[in-house]
Amino acid sequence: MRTLVDINEPQLRRLDELAKKQGQSRAAVIREAIDGYLEKRASKGASDAFGLWGKGGVDGLAYQRKVRSEW
């Protein structure tokens, strides 16, 4: 499927340089970039949610008990 995207001249030059360096077409490089972007965005929400307690150094069960004891 085709779509139209406006990019500026510096972006276009860098894109063409990368495509030439990798031996790919401009379209192939753009598709690869989009796939990477979508993958990163899709997994970001899940990793943020599942790692919430692990990053803070707080014991989730201890926190839960503390909060419930206040009731």
C-alpha atoms as a PDB file:
ATOM      1  CA  MET A   1       0.000   0.000   0.000  1.00  0.00           C
ATOM      2  CA  ARG A   2       1.276   3.466  -0.759  1.00  0.00           C
ATOM      3  CA  THR A   3       1.075   6.487   1.477  1.00  0.00           C
ATOM      4  CA  LEU A   4       2.326  10.048   1.292  1.00  0.00           C
ATOM      5  CA  VAL A   5       4.570  11.449   4.022  1.00  0.00           C
ATOM      6  CA  ASP A   6       6.213  14.879   4.059  1.00  0.00           C
ATOM      7  CA  ILE A   7       9.816  14.924   5.279  1.00  0.00           C
ATOM      8  CA  ASN A   8      12.335  17.730   5.156  1.00  0.00           C
ATOM      9  CA  GLU A   9      15.453  17.850   2.973  1.00  0.00           C
ATOM     10  CA  PRO A  10      17.968  16.927   5.710  1.00  0.00           C
ATOM     11  CA  GLN A  11      15.863  13.881   6.627  1.00  0.00           C
ATOM     12  CA  LEU A  12      15.663  12.849   2.992  1.00  0.00           C
ATOM     13  CA  ARG A  13      19.438  13.147   2.538  1.00  0.00           C
ATOM     14  CA  ARG A  14      20.140  11.112   5.668  1.00  0.00           C
ATOM     15  CA  LEU A  15      17.585   8.535   4.616  1.00  0.00           C
ATOM     16  CA  ASP A  16      19.174   8.199   1.170  1.00  0.00           C
ATOM     17  CA  GLU A  17      22.660   7.925   2.709  1.00  0.00           C
ATOM     18  CA  LEU A  18      21.483   5.146   5.016  1.00  0.00           C
ATOM     19  CA  ALA A  19      19.726   3.301   2.206  1.00  0.00           C
ATOM     20  CA  LYS A  20      22.855   3.453   0.041  1.00  0.00           C
ATOM     21  CA  LYS A  21      25.079   2.328   2.931  1.00  0.00           C
ATOM     22  CA  GLN A  22      22.816  -0.651   3.644  1.00  0.00           C
ATOM     23  CA  GLY A  23      22.274  -1.505  -0.019  1.00  0.00           C
ATOM     24  CA  GLN A  24      18.523  -1.111   0.328  1.00  0.00           C
ATOM     25  CA  SER A  25      15.880   1.019  -1.274  1.00  0.00           C
ATOM     26  CA  ARG A  26      14.603   4.109   0.504  1.00  0.00           C
ATOM     27  CA  ALA A  27      11.226   2.396   0.886  1.00  0.00           C
ATOM     28  CA  ALA A  28      12.813  -0.649   2.549  1.00  0.00           C
ATOM     29  CA  VAL A  29      14.616   1.552   5.070  1.00  0.00           C
ATOM     30  CA  ILE A  30      11.395   3.420   5.837  1.00  0.00           C
ATOM     31  CA  ARG A  31       9.454   0.168   6.322  1.00  0.00           C
ATOM     32  CA  GLU A  32      12.171  -1.125   8.659  1.00  0.00           C
ATOM     33  CA  ALA A  33      12.063   2.114  10.654  1.00  0.00           C
ATOM     34  CA  ILE A  34       8.279   1.947  10.953  1.00  0.00           C
ATOM     35  CA  ASP A  35       8.414  -1.680  12.104  1.00  0.00           C
ATOM     36  CA  GLY A  36      10.966  -0.752  14.776  1.00  0.00           C
ATOM     37  CA  TYR A  37       8.913   2.212  15.936  1.00  0.00           C
ATOM     38  CA  LEU A  38       5.701   0.195  16.161  1.00  0.00           C
ATOM     39  CA  GLU A  39       7.412  -2.644  18.011  1.00  0.00           C
ATOM     40  CA  LYS A  40       8.929  -0.243  20.530  1.00  0.00           C
ATOM     41  CA  ARG A  41       5.626   1.528  21.130  1.00  0.00           C
ATOM     42  CA  ALA A  42       3.634  -1.707  21.452  1.00  0.00           C
ATOM     43  CA  SER A  43       5.960  -3.216  24.047  1.00  0.00           C
ATOM     44  CA  LYS A  44       6.464  -0.008  26.022  1.00  0.00           C
ATOM     45  CA  GLY A  45       3.067  -0.099  27.728  1.00  0.00           C
ATOM     46  CA  ALA A  46       3.412  -3.695  28.851  1.00  0.00           C
ATOM     47  CA  SER A  47       6.924  -3.254  30.200  1.00  0.00           C
ATOM     48  CA  ASP A  48       5.913  -0.121  32.091  1.00  0.00           C
ATOM     49  CA  ALA A  49       3.016  -1.899  33.766  1.00  0.00           C
ATOM     50  CA  PHE A  50       4.714  -5.187  34.594  1.00  0.00           C
ATOM     51  CA  GLY A  51       7.877  -3.587  35.909  1.00  0.00           C
ATOM     52  CA  LEU A  52       6.202  -0.974  38.061  1.00  0.00           C
ATOM     53  CA  TRP A  53       7.099  -2.434  41.455  1.00  0.00           C
ATOM     54  CA  GLY A  54      10.455  -3.838  40.404  1.00  0.00           C
ATOM     55  CA  LYS A  55      11.921  -0.445  39.485  1.00  0.00           C
ATOM     56  CA  GLY A  56      10.935   1.390  42.639  1.00  0.00           C
ATOM     57  CA  GLY A  57      12.611  -0.854  45.170  1.00  0.00           C
ATOM     58  CA  VAL A  58       9.331  -1.156  47.070  1.00  0.00           C
ATOM     59  CA  ASP A  59       8.008  -4.512  48.189  1.00  0.00           C
ATOM     60  CA  GLY A  60       4.533  -4.646  46.662  1.00  0.00           C
ATOM     61  CA  LEU A  61       3.116  -6.943  49.320  1.00  0.00           C
ATOM     62  CA  ALA A  62       4.484  -4.807  52.166  1.00  0.00           C
ATOM     63  CA  TYR A  63       3.005  -1.708  50.550  1.00  0.00           C
ATOM     64  CA  GLN A  64      -0.355  -3.427  50.155  1.00  0.00           C
ATOM     65  CA  ARG A  65      -0.389  -4.467  53.822  1.00  0.00           C
ATOM     66  CA  LYS A  66       0.541  -0.948  54.938  1.00  0.00           C
ATOM     67  CA  VAL A  67      -2.224   0.649  52.908  1.00  0.00           C
ATOM     68  CA  ARG A  68      -4.817  -1.871  54.061  1.00  0.00           C
ATOM     69  CA  SER A  69      -3.828  -1.430  57.698  1.00  0.00           C
ATOM     70  CA  GLU A  70      -4.869   2.219  57.388  1.00  0.00           C
ATOM     71  CA  TRP A  71      -8.476   1.209  56.711  1.00  0.00           C
END
